[in-house]
Protein backbone atom coordinates (compact mmCIF):
# COMPACT_ATOMS: atom_id res chain seq x y z
CA MET A 1 -21.76 -16.91 4.33
CA ALA A 2 -19.47 -19.46 5.38
CA PHE A 3 -20.52 -22.07 3.22
CA ALA A 4 -21.04 -19.48 0.02
CA MET A 5 -17.04 -18.95 0.18
CA ALA A 6 -16.82 -23.07 0.38
CA ILE A 7 -18.23 -22.69 -3.09
CA SER A 8 -16.70 -20.34 -4.29
CA TYR A 9 -13.05 -21.50 -3.75
CA ARG A 10 -14.00 -25.24 -4.96
CA GLY A 11 -11.30 -26.76 -6.41
CA LEU A 12 -9.16 -23.67 -5.86
CA THR A 13 -5.50 -24.53 -4.32
CA LEU A 14 -4.94 -21.55 -1.62
CA PRO A 15 -1.77 -20.52 -0.79
CA GLN A 16 -0.79 -22.05 3.41
CA SER A 17 1.06 -18.21 4.18
CA PRO A 18 0.41 -14.93 3.38
CA VAL A 19 0.76 -14.33 -0.04
CA SER A 20 3.24 -10.68 -0.72
CA ASP A 21 3.09 -9.40 -4.00
CA GLY A 22 6.81 -7.05 -3.31
CA THR A 23 5.05 -3.38 -1.62
CA LEU A 24 6.91 -2.12 0.99
CA PRO A 25 4.99 -2.02 4.75
CA LYS A 26 3.16 0.49 5.21
CA CYS A 27 5.58 2.21 8.08
CA LYS A 28 8.62 1.82 5.81
CA HIS A 29 6.90 3.06 2.26
CA ASN A 30 5.55 6.26 4.74
CA ALA A 31 9.29 6.64 6.26
CA GLU A 32 10.28 6.21 2.16
CA ILE A 33 8.33 8.87 1.31
CA ARG A 34 9.33 11.00 4.69
CA ALA A 35 12.33 10.97 3.20
CA ARG A 36 12.68 11.40 -0.27
CA HIS A 37 10.72 14.80 0.43
CA GLU A 38 12.99 15.92 2.76
CA LYS A 39 15.54 15.27 -0.07
CA GLY A 40 12.81 17.64 -2.40
CA GLU A 41 11.09 15.49 -4.48
CA SER A 42 7.68 16.87 -5.53
CA ILE A 43 4.94 15.71 -3.75
CA SER A 44 3.34 15.10 -7.66
CA THR A 45 6.44 12.96 -7.84
CA LEU A 46 6.02 10.95 -5.53
CA ALA A 47 1.96 10.14 -5.92
CA GLU A 48 3.27 9.15 -9.11
CA ALA A 49 6.72 6.65 -8.12
CA PHE A 50 4.49 5.30 -5.33
CA GLY A 51 0.70 4.74 -7.49
CA ILE A 52 -1.50 6.63 -5.37
CA THR A 53 -2.66 10.07 -4.91
CA GLU A 54 -1.42 13.34 -4.55
CA GLN A 55 -3.81 13.74 -1.30
CA ARG A 56 -3.15 10.87 0.12
CA ILE A 57 0.83 11.89 -0.44
CA TRP A 58 -0.20 14.94 1.45
CA GLN A 59 -1.46 13.25 4.49
CA ILE A 60 1.29 10.74 4.76
CA LEU A 61 3.64 14.30 5.15
CA ASN A 62 1.26 15.54 7.97
CA GLU A 63 0.87 12.11 9.54
CA ARG A 64 -3.33 12.12 8.62
CA ARG A 65 -4.59 8.70 9.19
CA LYS A 66 -6.71 7.04 6.40
């Protein structure tokens, strides 16, 4: 397995530190979803804003694990 990965990444420069895509950490992400919902934003609006499903928003609001 390690050999196959070495071949796959040959010639590529790999980052020396974690790469962030700019998204919030899960705990902050979920806290923001809860706060915005408490202020009156609908589940469908939150799902669209965060790029996740309405079902996942519902799970976050009801503290269900993925």
